[in-house]
Amino acid sequence: MEREDESSQQVLAWNQGQLQIFTRQHHSKSWNKQTQDGDQSYSGWMITDLIQRSNEQVKNFMDHF
């Protein structure tokens, strides 16, 4: 899953047994981990937000709840 805006790109990836979000600024070649190991509640919120913003069908489904 990927989301891009005018300044950065975010991707959802499986890393060391966990879903994680990585971010890269357009002017950079390096990826930075945005989620934190061991903080599932905060990371889960960030992952859910990325999925909702990246997929219109998921957003519409979640808006009903």
Protein backbone atom coordinates (compact mmCIF):
# COMPACT_ATOMS: atom_id res chain seq x y z
CA MET A 1 0.00 0.00 0.00
CA GLU A 2 1.32 3.42 -0.90
CA ARG A 3 0.34 7.05 -0.45
CA GLU A 4 2.07 9.99 -2.05
CA ASP A 5 1.70 13.76 -1.78
CA GLU A 6 3.69 16.69 -3.15
CA SER A 7 6.57 16.29 -0.69
CA SER A 8 6.72 12.67 0.48
CA GLN A 9 5.81 9.05 -0.09
CA GLN A 10 4.52 6.58 2.51
CA VAL A 11 4.44 2.80 2.13
CA LEU A 12 3.08 0.01 4.27
CA ALA A 13 5.51 -2.91 4.46
CA TRP A 14 6.04 -6.13 6.38
CA ASN A 15 9.28 -5.73 8.36
CA GLN A 16 10.68 -8.13 10.96
CA GLY A 17 7.31 -9.77 11.54
CA GLN A 18 5.29 -6.54 11.84
CA LEU A 19 3.41 -4.17 9.58
CA GLN A 20 5.29 -0.89 9.50
CA ILE A 21 5.04 2.46 7.71
CA PHE A 22 8.09 3.89 6.00
CA THR A 23 8.32 7.47 4.74
CA ARG A 24 10.62 9.01 2.14
CA GLN A 25 10.91 12.66 1.21
CA HIS A 26 10.97 13.15 -2.58
CA HIS A 27 14.40 14.77 -2.47
CA SER A 28 15.87 11.82 -0.51
CA LYS A 29 16.80 8.26 -1.41
CA SER A 30 16.49 6.93 2.15
CA TRP A 31 13.40 5.51 3.84
CA ASN A 32 12.63 6.25 7.50
CA LYS A 33 10.50 4.03 9.70
CA GLN A 34 7.51 6.02 10.95
CA THR A 35 5.93 3.39 13.20
CA GLN A 36 7.52 2.23 16.44
CA ASP A 37 8.41 -1.30 17.52
CA GLY A 38 6.47 -2.41 20.59
CA ASP A 39 3.90 0.40 20.44
CA GLN A 40 1.11 -1.44 18.64
CA SER A 41 -1.70 0.88 19.71
CA TYR A 42 -0.03 3.98 18.25
CA SER A 43 1.35 2.13 15.22
CA GLY A 44 -2.05 0.52 14.61
CA TRP A 45 -3.71 3.92 14.55
CA MET A 46 -1.14 5.19 12.02
CA ILE A 47 -1.52 2.09 9.83
CA THR A 48 -5.33 2.33 9.90
CA ASP A 49 -5.13 6.01 8.95
CA LEU A 50 -2.79 5.28 6.02
CA ILE A 51 -5.07 2.50 4.74
CA GLN A 52 -8.16 4.72 4.97
CA ARG A 53 -6.46 7.61 3.16
CA SER A 54 -5.05 5.32 0.46
CA ASN A 55 -8.17 3.33 -0.40
CA GLU A 56 -11.51 4.99 -1.08
CA GLN A 57 -13.51 1.76 -0.59
CA VAL A 58 -12.00 1.20 2.85
CA LYS A 59 -12.60 4.85 3.76
CA ASN A 60 -16.27 4.60 2.76
CA PHE A 61 -16.67 1.36 4.72
CA MET A 62 -15.03 2.81 7.85
CA ASP A 63 -17.13 5.99 7.64
CA HIS A 64 -20.24 3.86 8.25
CA PHE A 65 -18.98 2.86 11.72
